[in-house]
Amino acid sequence: MKQDNEAFLAAAEAALAALPDWVTGTFENIAFIVEDFPDAATREEMGISSPYGLLGLYRGIPISGRGAGYGYGNLPDVIYLYRDPILAYAADQKMDWRRCVQHVVVHEVGHYLGLSDAQMMAIEADQDGREAVAED
């Protein structure tokens, strides 16, 4: 089922609202954009041939990499959510698409924060009320 931008943005906002305060307190100069697919230039840049091969993307300067001069004149960081790949992945994994949006949001926000995969998994596990399990 095709979901519209409003539904995706609402799911992203719900995922953001569920993040711990120590995460959301860091948000500054960041935008979320929903697109059907990543464009060809983005796929080429990322080395991904299939338009379904990328669920989301963070573009910007991670907080951990910002220097004292950051802020003045910097464009907003952007987190892209790619609707059709998310829907296809969720259907393939037999998971609710909103849960998939949550996973992508946590992952991309983790890139914004400069977190490791293990830290991202811990945040997601905390949201789900389960223990984080490292993936090989």
N, C-alpha and C. Protein backbone atom coordinates (compact mmCIF):
# COMPACT_ATOMS: atom_id res chain seq x y z
N MET A 1 0.84 -1.17 0.00
CA MET A 1 0.00 0.00 0.00
C MET A 1 0.89 1.24 0.00
N LYS A 2 0.61 2.17 -0.88
CA LYS A 2 1.39 3.40 -1.00
C LYS A 2 0.97 4.37 0.11
N GLN A 3 1.93 4.82 0.87
CA GLN A 3 1.69 5.78 1.93
C GLN A 3 2.09 7.17 1.42
N ASP A 4 1.38 8.20 1.85
CA ASP A 4 1.71 9.54 1.38
C ASP A 4 2.78 10.20 2.26
N ASN A 5 3.24 11.37 1.81
CA ASN A 5 4.27 12.10 2.56
C ASN A 5 3.83 12.38 3.99
N GLU A 6 2.58 12.78 4.18
CA GLU A 6 2.10 13.10 5.51
C GLU A 6 2.20 11.89 6.44
N ALA A 7 1.82 10.72 5.96
CA ALA A 7 1.90 9.51 6.78
C ALA A 7 3.35 9.19 7.12
N PHE A 8 4.23 9.35 6.15
CA PHE A 8 5.65 9.09 6.42
C PHE A 8 6.21 10.10 7.39
N LEU A 9 5.89 11.36 7.20
CA LEU A 9 6.39 12.38 8.12
C LEU A 9 5.82 12.16 9.52
N ALA A 10 4.55 11.76 9.61
CA ALA A 10 3.96 11.47 10.92
C ALA A 10 4.68 10.30 11.59
N ALA A 11 5.02 9.27 10.81
CA ALA A 11 5.76 8.13 11.36
C ALA A 11 7.15 8.56 11.80
N ALA A 12 7.79 9.42 11.02
CA ALA A 12 9.12 9.92 11.39
C ALA A 12 9.04 10.77 12.66
N GLU A 13 8.02 11.61 12.75
CA GLU A 13 7.84 12.42 13.96
C GLU A 13 7.59 11.56 15.18
N ALA A 14 6.83 10.49 15.02
CA ALA A 14 6.59 9.56 16.13
C ALA A 14 7.89 8.88 16.54
N ALA A 15 8.70 8.51 15.56
CA ALA A 15 10.01 7.89 15.86
C ALA A 15 10.91 8.88 16.58
N LEU A 16 10.89 10.14 16.16
CA LEU A 16 11.69 11.16 16.83
C LEU A 16 11.22 11.40 18.25
N ALA A 17 9.90 11.44 18.43
CA ALA A 17 9.34 11.68 19.76
C ALA A 17 9.69 10.56 20.74
N ALA A 18 9.93 9.36 20.21
CA ALA A 18 10.27 8.22 21.06
C ALA A 18 11.74 8.16 21.44
N LEU A 19 12.56 9.01 20.81
CA LEU A 19 13.99 9.02 21.12
C LEU A 19 14.24 9.61 22.50
N PRO A 20 15.31 9.17 23.16
CA PRO A 20 15.61 9.73 24.48
C PRO A 20 15.93 11.22 24.42
N ASP A 21 15.70 11.92 25.52
CA ASP A 21 15.94 13.37 25.57
C ASP A 21 17.38 13.73 25.25
N TRP A 22 18.32 12.87 25.64
CA TRP A 22 19.73 13.20 25.38
C TRP A 22 20.02 13.22 23.88
N VAL A 23 19.17 12.55 23.09
CA VAL A 23 19.32 12.57 21.64
C VAL A 23 18.62 13.80 21.06
N THR A 24 17.36 13.97 21.39
CA THR A 24 16.58 15.06 20.80
C THR A 24 17.09 16.43 21.24
N GLY A 25 17.74 16.49 22.39
CA GLY A 25 18.31 17.75 22.86
C GLY A 25 19.46 18.24 22.01
N THR A 26 19.99 17.38 21.15
CA THR A 26 21.11 17.76 20.28
C THR A 26 20.65 18.28 18.93
N PHE A 27 19.36 18.15 18.60
CA PHE A 27 18.89 18.52 17.28
C PHE A 27 19.01 20.02 17.05
N GLU A 28 19.67 20.33 15.95
CA GLU A 28 19.83 21.72 15.55
C GLU A 28 20.09 21.75 14.06
N ASN A 29 19.30 22.56 13.36
CA ASN A 29 19.55 22.78 11.93
C ASN A 29 19.46 21.48 11.13
N ILE A 30 18.36 20.74 11.31
CA ILE A 30 18.19 19.46 10.61
C ILE A 30 16.78 19.39 10.02
N ALA A 31 16.68 18.82 8.83
CA ALA A 31 15.39 18.68 8.15
C ALA A 31 15.19 17.22 7.74
N PHE A 32 13.94 16.81 7.67
CA PHE A 32 13.57 15.47 7.18
C PHE A 32 12.82 15.65 5.87
N ILE A 33 13.22 14.86 4.87
CA ILE A 33 12.58 14.92 3.56
C ILE A 33 12.19 13.51 3.14
N VAL A 34 10.95 13.37 2.67
CA VAL A 34 10.48 12.09 2.14
C VAL A 34 10.50 12.17 0.63
N GLU A 35 11.14 11.19 0.00
CA GLU A 35 11.14 11.06 -1.46
C GLU A 35 10.75 9.64 -1.80
N ASP A 36 10.22 9.44 -3.01
CA ASP A 36 9.84 8.09 -3.43
C ASP A 36 11.05 7.17 -3.50
N PHE A 37 12.12 7.64 -4.13
CA PHE A 37 13.35 6.87 -4.32
C PHE A 37 14.55 7.81 -4.23
N PRO A 38 15.74 7.28 -3.93
CA PRO A 38 16.93 8.10 -4.08
C PRO A 38 17.17 8.37 -5.56
N ASP A 39 17.67 9.55 -5.88
CA ASP A 39 17.92 9.85 -7.28
C ASP A 39 19.15 9.10 -7.79
N ALA A 40 19.31 9.09 -9.10
CA ALA A 40 20.39 8.33 -9.72
C ALA A 40 21.76 8.80 -9.26
N ALA A 41 21.93 10.10 -9.08
CA ALA A 41 23.23 10.62 -8.64
C ALA A 41 23.57 10.14 -7.23
N THR A 42 22.58 10.11 -6.36
CA THR A 42 22.80 9.62 -4.99
C THR A 42 23.15 8.15 -5.00
N ARG A 43 22.40 7.36 -5.79
CA ARG A 43 22.69 5.92 -5.88
C ARG A 43 24.10 5.69 -6.41
N GLU A 44 24.49 6.46 -7.42
CA GLU A 44 25.83 6.31 -7.98
C GLU A 44 26.89 6.67 -6.94
N GLU A 45 26.67 7.77 -6.25
CA GLU A 45 27.60 8.22 -5.21
C GLU A 45 27.76 7.16 -4.12
N MET A 46 26.68 6.50 -3.77
CA MET A 46 26.69 5.50 -2.70
C MET A 46 27.09 4.11 -3.21
N GLY A 47 27.23 3.96 -4.53
CA GLY A 47 27.59 2.67 -5.09
C GLY A 47 26.45 1.66 -5.05
N ILE A 48 25.22 2.16 -5.21
CA ILE A 48 24.02 1.32 -5.13
C ILE A 48 23.32 1.36 -6.49
N SER A 49 23.16 0.19 -7.10
CA SER A 49 22.56 0.16 -8.44
C SER A 49 21.03 0.14 -8.40
N SER A 50 20.45 -0.55 -7.46
CA SER A 50 19.00 -0.68 -7.39
C SER A 50 18.37 0.54 -6.73
N PRO A 51 17.28 1.06 -7.28
CA PRO A 51 16.59 2.16 -6.62
C PRO A 51 15.99 1.74 -5.27
N TYR A 52 15.91 0.43 -5.03
CA TYR A 52 15.39 -0.08 -3.76
C TYR A 52 16.50 -0.35 -2.74
N GLY A 53 17.75 -0.05 -3.10
CA GLY A 53 18.89 -0.41 -2.27
C GLY A 53 19.22 0.57 -1.15
N LEU A 54 18.49 1.67 -1.03
CA LEU A 54 18.77 2.66 0.00
C LEU A 54 17.45 3.08 0.64
N LEU A 55 17.35 2.91 1.96
CA LEU A 55 16.12 3.24 2.68
C LEU A 55 16.12 4.67 3.20
N GLY A 56 17.28 5.15 3.55
CA GLY A 56 17.40 6.50 4.08
C GLY A 56 18.83 6.98 3.94
N LEU A 57 19.02 8.27 4.14
CA LEU A 57 20.36 8.85 3.99
C LEU A 57 20.48 10.10 4.83
N TYR A 58 21.59 10.19 5.54
CA TYR A 58 21.92 11.42 6.28
C TYR A 58 22.96 12.19 5.48
N ARG A 59 22.70 13.46 5.25
CA ARG A 59 23.67 14.34 4.59
C ARG A 59 23.91 15.53 5.52
N GLY A 60 25.16 15.71 5.87
CA GLY A 60 25.50 16.84 6.72
C GLY A 60 26.82 16.63 7.40
N ILE A 61 27.04 17.42 8.43
CA ILE A 61 28.25 17.32 9.23
C ILE A 61 27.84 16.77 10.59
N PRO A 62 28.25 15.53 10.90
CA PRO A 62 27.85 14.95 12.20
C PRO A 62 28.30 15.84 13.36
N ILE A 63 27.52 15.85 14.41
CA ILE A 63 27.83 16.66 15.58
C ILE A 63 29.25 16.40 16.05
N SER A 64 29.66 15.14 16.01
CA SER A 64 31.00 14.78 16.49
C SER A 64 32.11 15.36 15.62
N GLY A 65 31.78 15.85 14.43
CA GLY A 65 32.79 16.38 13.52
C GLY A 65 32.72 17.89 13.34
N ARG A 66 31.88 18.54 14.12
CA ARG A 66 31.72 19.99 13.98
C ARG A 66 32.76 20.73 14.81
N GLY A 67 33.33 21.73 14.22
CA GLY A 67 34.30 22.55 14.92
C GLY A 67 33.67 23.80 15.49
N ALA A 68 34.50 24.65 16.04
CA ALA A 68 34.02 25.88 16.68
C ALA A 68 33.35 26.82 15.68
N GLY A 69 33.73 26.76 14.41
CA GLY A 69 33.16 27.65 13.42
C GLY A 69 31.87 27.17 12.80
N TYR A 70 31.37 26.02 13.24
CA TYR A 70 30.15 25.49 12.65
C TYR A 70 28.96 26.37 13.04
N GLY A 71 28.03 26.53 12.13
CA GLY A 71 26.78 27.21 12.43
C GLY A 71 26.50 28.34 11.48
N TYR A 72 27.39 29.31 11.43
CA TYR A 72 27.14 30.47 10.59
C TYR A 72 27.32 30.08 9.12
N GLY A 73 26.25 30.19 8.37
CA GLY A 73 26.31 29.93 6.94
C GLY A 73 26.20 28.47 6.53
N ASN A 74 26.09 27.56 7.50
CA ASN A 74 25.94 26.14 7.15
C ASN A 74 24.50 25.84 6.78
N LEU A 75 24.33 25.11 5.67
CA LEU A 75 23.00 24.65 5.28
C LEU A 75 22.52 23.63 6.29
N PRO A 76 21.21 23.41 6.39
CA PRO A 76 20.71 22.40 7.32
C PRO A 76 21.18 21.01 6.94
N ASP A 77 21.42 20.18 7.94
CA ASP A 77 21.62 18.76 7.69
C ASP A 77 20.28 18.19 7.26
N VAL A 78 20.32 17.12 6.48
CA VAL A 78 19.08 16.54 5.96
C VAL A 78 19.09 15.03 6.18
N ILE A 79 17.96 14.52 6.63
CA ILE A 79 17.74 13.07 6.67
C ILE A 79 16.65 12.78 5.65
N TYR A 80 17.02 11.96 4.67
CA TYR A 80 16.08 11.55 3.62
C TYR A 80 15.49 10.20 4.01
N LEU A 81 14.19 10.07 3.82
CA LEU A 81 13.48 8.79 3.96
C LEU A 81 12.95 8.45 2.58
N TYR A 82 13.30 7.27 2.09
CA TYR A 82 12.88 6.85 0.75
C TYR A 82 11.71 5.89 0.86
N ARG A 83 10.53 6.42 0.57
CA ARG A 83 9.26 5.75 0.80
C ARG A 83 9.15 4.38 0.13
N ASP A 84 9.34 4.29 -1.16
CA ASP A 84 9.11 3.01 -1.85
C ASP A 84 10.09 1.93 -1.40
N PRO A 85 11.37 2.22 -1.24
CA PRO A 85 12.27 1.19 -0.71
C PRO A 85 11.91 0.76 0.72
N ILE A 86 11.47 1.72 1.55
CA ILE A 86 11.06 1.37 2.92
C ILE A 86 9.85 0.45 2.88
N LEU A 87 8.86 0.78 2.05
CA LEU A 87 7.66 -0.07 1.95
C LEU A 87 8.02 -1.46 1.44
N ALA A 88 8.89 -1.52 0.43
CA ALA A 88 9.28 -2.82 -0.13
C ALA A 88 10.05 -3.64 0.90
N TYR A 89 10.97 -3.00 1.61
CA TYR A 89 11.75 -3.71 2.63
C TYR A 89 10.83 -4.22 3.74
N ALA A 90 9.92 -3.36 4.20
CA ALA A 90 8.99 -3.75 5.27
C ALA A 90 8.13 -4.94 4.83
N ALA A 91 7.64 -4.90 3.60
CA ALA A 91 6.82 -6.01 3.09
C ALA A 91 7.65 -7.29 3.00
N ASP A 92 8.89 -7.16 2.50
CA ASP A 92 9.77 -8.32 2.37
C ASP A 92 10.10 -8.93 3.73
N GLN A 93 10.28 -8.08 4.74
CA GLN A 93 10.62 -8.55 6.08
C GLN A 93 9.38 -8.85 6.93
N LYS A 94 8.21 -8.64 6.34
CA LYS A 94 6.94 -8.85 7.04
C LYS A 94 6.86 -8.04 8.33
N MET A 95 7.24 -6.78 8.21
CA MET A 95 7.18 -5.88 9.35
C MET A 95 6.31 -4.68 9.02
N ASP A 96 5.76 -4.06 10.03
CA ASP A 96 4.95 -2.87 9.84
C ASP A 96 5.84 -1.76 9.27
N TRP A 97 5.36 -1.04 8.25
CA TRP A 97 6.18 -0.02 7.61
C TRP A 97 6.56 1.08 8.58
N ARG A 98 5.72 1.35 9.60
CA ARG A 98 6.04 2.38 10.58
C ARG A 98 7.25 1.98 11.41
N ARG A 99 7.35 0.69 11.71
CA ARG A 99 8.50 0.16 12.44
C ARG A 99 9.77 0.30 11.59
N CYS A 100 9.62 0.10 10.31
CA CYS A 100 10.75 0.26 9.39
C CYS A 100 11.17 1.74 9.34
N VAL A 101 10.22 2.65 9.30
CA VAL A 101 10.54 4.08 9.34
C VAL A 101 11.29 4.39 10.63
N GLN A 102 10.82 3.84 11.74
CA GLN A 102 11.49 4.06 13.03
C GLN A 102 12.94 3.59 12.97
N HIS A 103 13.15 2.42 12.40
CA HIS A 103 14.50 1.88 12.29
C HIS A 103 15.39 2.81 11.45
N VAL A 104 14.86 3.27 10.33
CA VAL A 104 15.65 4.14 9.44
C VAL A 104 15.92 5.48 10.14
N VAL A 105 14.93 6.03 10.81
CA VAL A 105 15.13 7.30 11.52
C VAL A 105 16.22 7.14 12.59
N VAL A 106 16.14 6.09 13.39
CA VAL A 106 17.16 5.88 14.43
C VAL A 106 18.54 5.76 13.79
N HIS A 107 18.63 5.02 12.72
CA HIS A 107 19.92 4.82 12.05
C HIS A 107 20.48 6.13 11.52
N GLU A 108 19.66 6.91 10.83
CA GLU A 108 20.13 8.16 10.25
C GLU A 108 20.41 9.21 11.32
N VAL A 109 19.59 9.27 12.37
CA VAL A 109 19.88 10.18 13.48
C VAL A 109 21.19 9.76 14.14
N GLY A 110 21.44 8.47 14.19
CA GLY A 110 22.71 7.99 14.72
C GLY A 110 23.88 8.52 13.93
N HIS A 111 23.75 8.58 12.61
CA HIS A 111 24.81 9.16 11.78
C HIS A 111 24.97 10.65 12.09
N TYR A 112 23.86 11.34 12.27
CA TYR A 112 23.88 12.76 12.64
C TYR A 112 24.67 12.97 13.94
N LEU A 113 24.47 12.06 14.89
CA LEU A 113 25.15 12.16 16.18
C LEU A 113 26.57 11.63 16.15
N GLY A 114 26.91 10.88 15.08
CA GLY A 114 28.22 10.26 15.01
C GLY A 114 28.31 9.00 15.86
N LEU A 115 27.19 8.31 16.06
CA LEU A 115 27.15 7.11 16.89
C LEU A 115 27.62 5.88 16.13
N SER A 116 28.05 4.88 16.86
CA SER A 116 28.40 3.60 16.28
C SER A 116 27.13 2.79 16.03
N ASP A 117 27.25 1.73 15.24
CA ASP A 117 26.10 0.85 15.00
C ASP A 117 25.60 0.26 16.31
N ALA A 118 26.51 -0.10 17.22
CA ALA A 118 26.11 -0.68 18.51
C ALA A 118 25.30 0.33 19.33
N GLN A 119 25.69 1.59 19.30
CA GLN A 119 24.94 2.61 20.03
C GLN A 119 23.55 2.82 19.42
N MET A 120 23.48 2.79 18.08
CA MET A 120 22.18 2.92 17.40
C MET A 120 21.27 1.76 17.78
N MET A 121 21.84 0.56 17.79
CA MET A 121 21.05 -0.63 18.14
C MET A 121 20.55 -0.53 19.58
N ALA A 122 21.35 0.02 20.48
CA ALA A 122 20.94 0.16 21.87
C ALA A 122 19.77 1.14 22.00
N ILE A 123 19.81 2.23 21.24
CA ILE A 123 18.70 3.18 21.26
C ILE A 123 17.43 2.52 20.76
N GLU A 124 17.55 1.81 19.66
CA GLU A 124 16.38 1.14 19.08
C GLU A 124 15.84 0.07 20.04
N ALA A 125 16.73 -0.68 20.66
CA ALA A 125 16.32 -1.71 21.60
C ALA A 125 15.61 -1.08 22.79
N ASP A 126 16.10 0.07 23.26
CA ASP A 126 15.48 0.77 24.37
C ASP A 126 14.07 1.21 24.01
N GLN A 127 13.88 1.66 22.77
CA GLN A 127 12.55 2.07 22.31
C GLN A 127 11.60 0.88 22.29
N ASP A 128 12.14 -0.28 21.94
CA ASP A 128 11.31 -1.48 21.84
C ASP A 128 11.17 -2.22 23.17
N GLY A 129 11.94 -1.78 24.18
CA GLY A 129 11.91 -2.46 25.46
C GLY A 129 12.56 -3.83 25.40
N ARG A 130 13.57 -3.98 24.54
CA ARG A 130 14.26 -5.26 24.43
C ARG A 130 15.76 -5.03 24.54
N GLU A 131 16.51 -6.10 24.70
CA GLU A 131 17.95 -6.00 24.77
C GLU A 131 18.55 -5.89 23.38
N ALA A 132 19.60 -5.09 23.29
CA ALA A 132 20.30 -4.96 22.02
C ALA A 132 21.10 -6.23 21.76
N VAL A 133 21.04 -6.70 20.52
CA VAL A 133 21.81 -7.88 20.12
C VAL A 133 22.69 -7.46 18.96
N ALA A 134 23.96 -7.66 19.12
CA ALA A 134 24.90 -7.26 18.06
C ALA A 134 24.69 -8.11 16.83
N GLU A 135 24.73 -7.45 15.66
CA GLU A 135 24.60 -8.17 14.40
C GLU A 135 25.98 -8.44 13.85
N ASP A 136 26.19 -9.61 13.26
CA ASP A 136 27.49 -9.93 12.67
C ASP A 136 27.61 -9.34 11.30
